């Protein structure tokens, strides 16, 4: 893989994440707004939950059969 190919790959990943974030934004807006008021351990838990929600949204449209083929 060339540097430019790696950059394109990561740019595509970032774009996918941004679109997933947009789709879950309304559901997560209030939770994220409260994050600065939470203790650090709760902020970390919230960040992990948010990242998982993004990942779920990214994977959601992919059929299980296709996911199995990715292994």
N, C-alpha and C. Protein backbone atom coordinates (compact mmCIF):
# COMPACT_ATOMS: atom_id res chain seq x y z
N UNK A 1 0.85 -1.18 0.00
CA UNK A 1 0.00 0.00 0.00
C UNK A 1 0.89 1.23 0.00
N UNK A 2 0.54 2.18 -0.84
CA UNK A 2 1.30 3.43 -0.87
C UNK A 2 0.78 4.36 0.22
N UNK A 3 1.55 5.39 0.49
CA UNK A 3 1.12 6.40 1.48
C UNK A 3 -0.22 7.01 1.05
N UNK A 4 -0.33 7.33 -0.25
CA UNK A 4 -1.58 7.95 -0.73
C UNK A 4 -2.76 6.98 -0.59
N UNK A 5 -2.53 5.70 -0.83
CA UNK A 5 -3.60 4.71 -0.66
C UNK A 5 -4.01 4.62 0.82
N UNK A 6 -3.03 4.66 1.70
CA UNK A 6 -3.33 4.63 3.14
C UNK A 6 -4.12 5.86 3.55
N UNK A 7 -3.73 7.02 3.04
CA UNK A 7 -4.45 8.26 3.36
C UNK A 7 -5.88 8.18 2.85
N UNK A 8 -6.08 7.70 1.63
CA UNK A 8 -7.43 7.56 1.09
C UNK A 8 -8.26 6.60 1.94
N UNK A 9 -7.65 5.49 2.34
CA UNK A 9 -8.36 4.50 3.16
C UNK A 9 -8.82 5.13 4.46
N UNK A 10 -7.91 5.85 5.13
CA UNK A 10 -8.27 6.48 6.40
C UNK A 10 -9.28 7.61 6.21
N UNK A 11 -9.18 8.33 5.12
CA UNK A 11 -10.16 9.38 4.83
C UNK A 11 -11.54 8.76 4.63
N UNK A 12 -11.60 7.63 3.94
CA UNK A 12 -12.89 6.93 3.76
C UNK A 12 -13.45 6.46 5.09
N UNK A 13 -12.58 5.95 5.97
CA UNK A 13 -13.02 5.51 7.30
C UNK A 13 -13.55 6.70 8.09
N UNK A 14 -12.81 7.81 8.07
CA UNK A 14 -13.24 9.00 8.80
C UNK A 14 -14.59 9.50 8.29
N UNK A 15 -14.78 9.51 6.97
CA UNK A 15 -16.04 9.97 6.40
C UNK A 15 -17.18 9.07 6.85
N UNK A 16 -16.95 7.77 6.87
CA UNK A 16 -17.97 6.82 7.32
C UNK A 16 -18.35 7.10 8.77
N UNK A 17 -17.35 7.38 9.59
CA UNK A 17 -17.61 7.67 11.00
C UNK A 17 -18.40 8.97 11.16
N UNK A 18 -18.04 9.99 10.39
CA UNK A 18 -18.78 11.25 10.47
C UNK A 18 -20.25 11.06 10.10
N UNK A 19 -20.50 10.29 9.04
CA UNK A 19 -21.89 10.05 8.64
C UNK A 19 -22.64 9.26 9.71
N UNK A 20 -21.98 8.29 10.32
CA UNK A 20 -22.61 7.52 11.40
C UNK A 20 -22.91 8.43 12.59
N UNK A 21 -21.96 9.30 12.92
CA UNK A 21 -22.19 10.26 14.01
C UNK A 21 -23.39 11.14 13.73
N UNK A 22 -23.52 11.58 12.50
CA UNK A 22 -24.65 12.42 12.14
C UNK A 22 -25.98 11.69 12.36
N UNK A 23 -25.99 10.40 12.03
CA UNK A 23 -27.23 9.63 12.18
C UNK A 23 -27.61 9.37 13.63
N UNK A 24 -26.63 9.36 14.55
CA UNK A 24 -26.95 9.12 15.96
C UNK A 24 -26.93 10.40 16.80
N UNK A 25 -26.64 11.51 16.18
CA UNK A 25 -26.43 12.77 16.91
C UNK A 25 -27.62 13.16 17.78
N UNK A 26 -28.82 13.06 17.25
CA UNK A 26 -29.99 13.50 18.02
C UNK A 26 -30.15 12.67 19.29
N UNK A 27 -29.96 11.37 19.17
CA UNK A 27 -30.08 10.47 20.32
C UNK A 27 -29.01 10.75 21.38
N UNK A 28 -27.81 11.12 20.96
CA UNK A 28 -26.67 11.27 21.86
C UNK A 28 -26.41 12.71 22.32
N UNK A 29 -27.07 13.67 21.72
CA UNK A 29 -26.77 15.08 21.99
C UNK A 29 -26.81 15.41 23.49
N UNK A 30 -27.90 15.09 24.16
CA UNK A 30 -28.03 15.45 25.57
C UNK A 30 -27.02 14.72 26.45
N UNK A 31 -26.79 13.44 26.15
CA UNK A 31 -25.81 12.67 26.93
C UNK A 31 -24.42 13.29 26.82
N UNK A 32 -24.03 13.67 25.62
CA UNK A 32 -22.70 14.23 25.40
C UNK A 32 -22.58 15.63 26.01
N UNK A 33 -23.68 16.36 26.01
CA UNK A 33 -23.68 17.70 26.60
C UNK A 33 -23.36 17.65 28.09
N UNK A 34 -23.77 16.58 28.75
CA UNK A 34 -23.56 16.44 30.19
C UNK A 34 -22.17 15.91 30.54
N UNK A 35 -21.44 15.43 29.55
CA UNK A 35 -20.14 14.79 29.80
C UNK A 35 -19.17 15.63 30.63
N UNK A 36 -19.04 16.95 30.39
CA UNK A 36 -18.07 17.72 31.19
C UNK A 36 -18.39 17.75 32.68
N UNK A 37 -19.65 17.48 33.04
CA UNK A 37 -20.07 17.51 34.44
C UNK A 37 -19.88 16.16 35.13
N UNK A 38 -19.51 15.15 34.39
CA UNK A 38 -19.36 13.82 34.94
C UNK A 38 -17.95 13.61 35.49
N UNK A 39 -17.82 12.69 36.46
CA UNK A 39 -16.47 12.32 36.91
C UNK A 39 -15.71 11.66 35.75
N UNK A 40 -14.40 11.69 35.81
CA UNK A 40 -13.58 11.18 34.71
C UNK A 40 -13.90 9.74 34.34
N UNK A 41 -14.16 8.88 35.32
CA UNK A 41 -14.45 7.48 34.99
C UNK A 41 -15.78 7.37 34.23
N UNK A 42 -16.74 8.20 34.57
CA UNK A 42 -18.03 8.20 33.86
C UNK A 42 -17.87 8.80 32.47
N UNK A 43 -17.01 9.79 32.33
CA UNK A 43 -16.73 10.36 31.01
C UNK A 43 -16.13 9.28 30.10
N UNK A 44 -15.23 8.48 30.67
CA UNK A 44 -14.60 7.40 29.91
C UNK A 44 -15.65 6.37 29.48
N UNK A 45 -16.53 6.00 30.40
CA UNK A 45 -17.60 5.04 30.07
C UNK A 45 -18.51 5.60 28.98
N UNK A 46 -18.84 6.87 29.08
CA UNK A 46 -19.68 7.51 28.08
C UNK A 46 -18.99 7.53 26.72
N UNK A 47 -17.71 7.85 26.71
CA UNK A 47 -16.95 7.88 25.45
C UNK A 47 -16.93 6.50 24.81
N UNK A 48 -16.72 5.46 25.61
CA UNK A 48 -16.72 4.10 25.08
C UNK A 48 -18.10 3.73 24.53
N UNK A 49 -19.15 4.11 25.23
CA UNK A 49 -20.51 3.82 24.77
C UNK A 49 -20.82 4.56 23.47
N UNK A 50 -20.34 5.80 23.37
CA UNK A 50 -20.55 6.59 22.17
C UNK A 50 -19.81 5.97 20.98
N UNK A 51 -18.57 5.56 21.21
CA UNK A 51 -17.80 4.91 20.14
C UNK A 51 -18.48 3.62 19.70
N UNK A 52 -19.02 2.87 20.65
CA UNK A 52 -19.74 1.64 20.30
C UNK A 52 -20.99 1.97 19.49
N UNK A 53 -21.71 3.02 19.87
CA UNK A 53 -22.92 3.42 19.13
C UNK A 53 -22.56 3.79 17.69
N UNK A 54 -21.45 4.46 17.51
CA UNK A 54 -20.99 4.80 16.16
C UNK A 54 -20.68 3.52 15.39
N UNK A 55 -19.96 2.60 16.03
CA UNK A 55 -19.60 1.34 15.37
C UNK A 55 -20.86 0.55 15.00
N UNK A 56 -21.83 0.52 15.89
CA UNK A 56 -23.10 -0.17 15.59
C UNK A 56 -23.75 0.45 14.37
N UNK A 57 -23.74 1.76 14.30
CA UNK A 57 -24.35 2.45 13.15
C UNK A 57 -23.59 2.18 11.86
N UNK A 58 -22.28 2.09 11.94
CA UNK A 58 -21.47 1.80 10.75
C UNK A 58 -21.78 0.40 10.24
N UNK A 59 -21.90 -0.55 11.16
CA UNK A 59 -22.08 -1.96 10.79
C UNK A 59 -23.54 -2.29 10.47
N UNK A 60 -24.48 -1.51 11.01
CA UNK A 60 -25.91 -1.80 10.91
C UNK A 60 -26.38 -2.20 9.51
N UNK A 61 -26.02 -1.50 8.45
CA UNK A 61 -26.57 -1.87 7.14
C UNK A 61 -25.91 -3.10 6.49
N UNK A 62 -24.87 -3.63 7.12
CA UNK A 62 -24.15 -4.76 6.53
C UNK A 62 -24.82 -6.07 6.92
N UNK A 63 -25.24 -6.88 5.93
CA UNK A 63 -25.88 -8.16 6.25
C UNK A 63 -24.92 -9.09 7.00
N UNK A 64 -25.46 -9.96 7.86
CA UNK A 64 -24.65 -10.89 8.62
C UNK A 64 -23.80 -11.77 7.71
N UNK A 65 -24.34 -12.16 6.58
CA UNK A 65 -23.59 -13.01 5.65
C UNK A 65 -22.30 -12.32 5.18
N UNK A 66 -22.42 -11.04 4.92
CA UNK A 66 -21.25 -10.28 4.48
C UNK A 66 -20.23 -10.14 5.61
N UNK A 67 -20.74 -9.97 6.84
CA UNK A 67 -19.84 -9.85 7.99
C UNK A 67 -19.05 -11.15 8.18
N UNK A 68 -19.70 -12.29 7.98
CA UNK A 68 -19.03 -13.58 8.13
C UNK A 68 -17.90 -13.69 7.12
N UNK A 69 -18.14 -13.21 5.91
CA UNK A 69 -17.12 -13.27 4.86
C UNK A 69 -15.91 -12.40 5.16
N UNK A 70 -16.07 -11.41 6.02
CA UNK A 70 -14.97 -10.50 6.37
C UNK A 70 -13.96 -11.13 7.34
N UNK A 71 -14.33 -12.21 7.98
CA UNK A 71 -13.45 -12.83 8.99
C UNK A 71 -12.12 -13.27 8.41
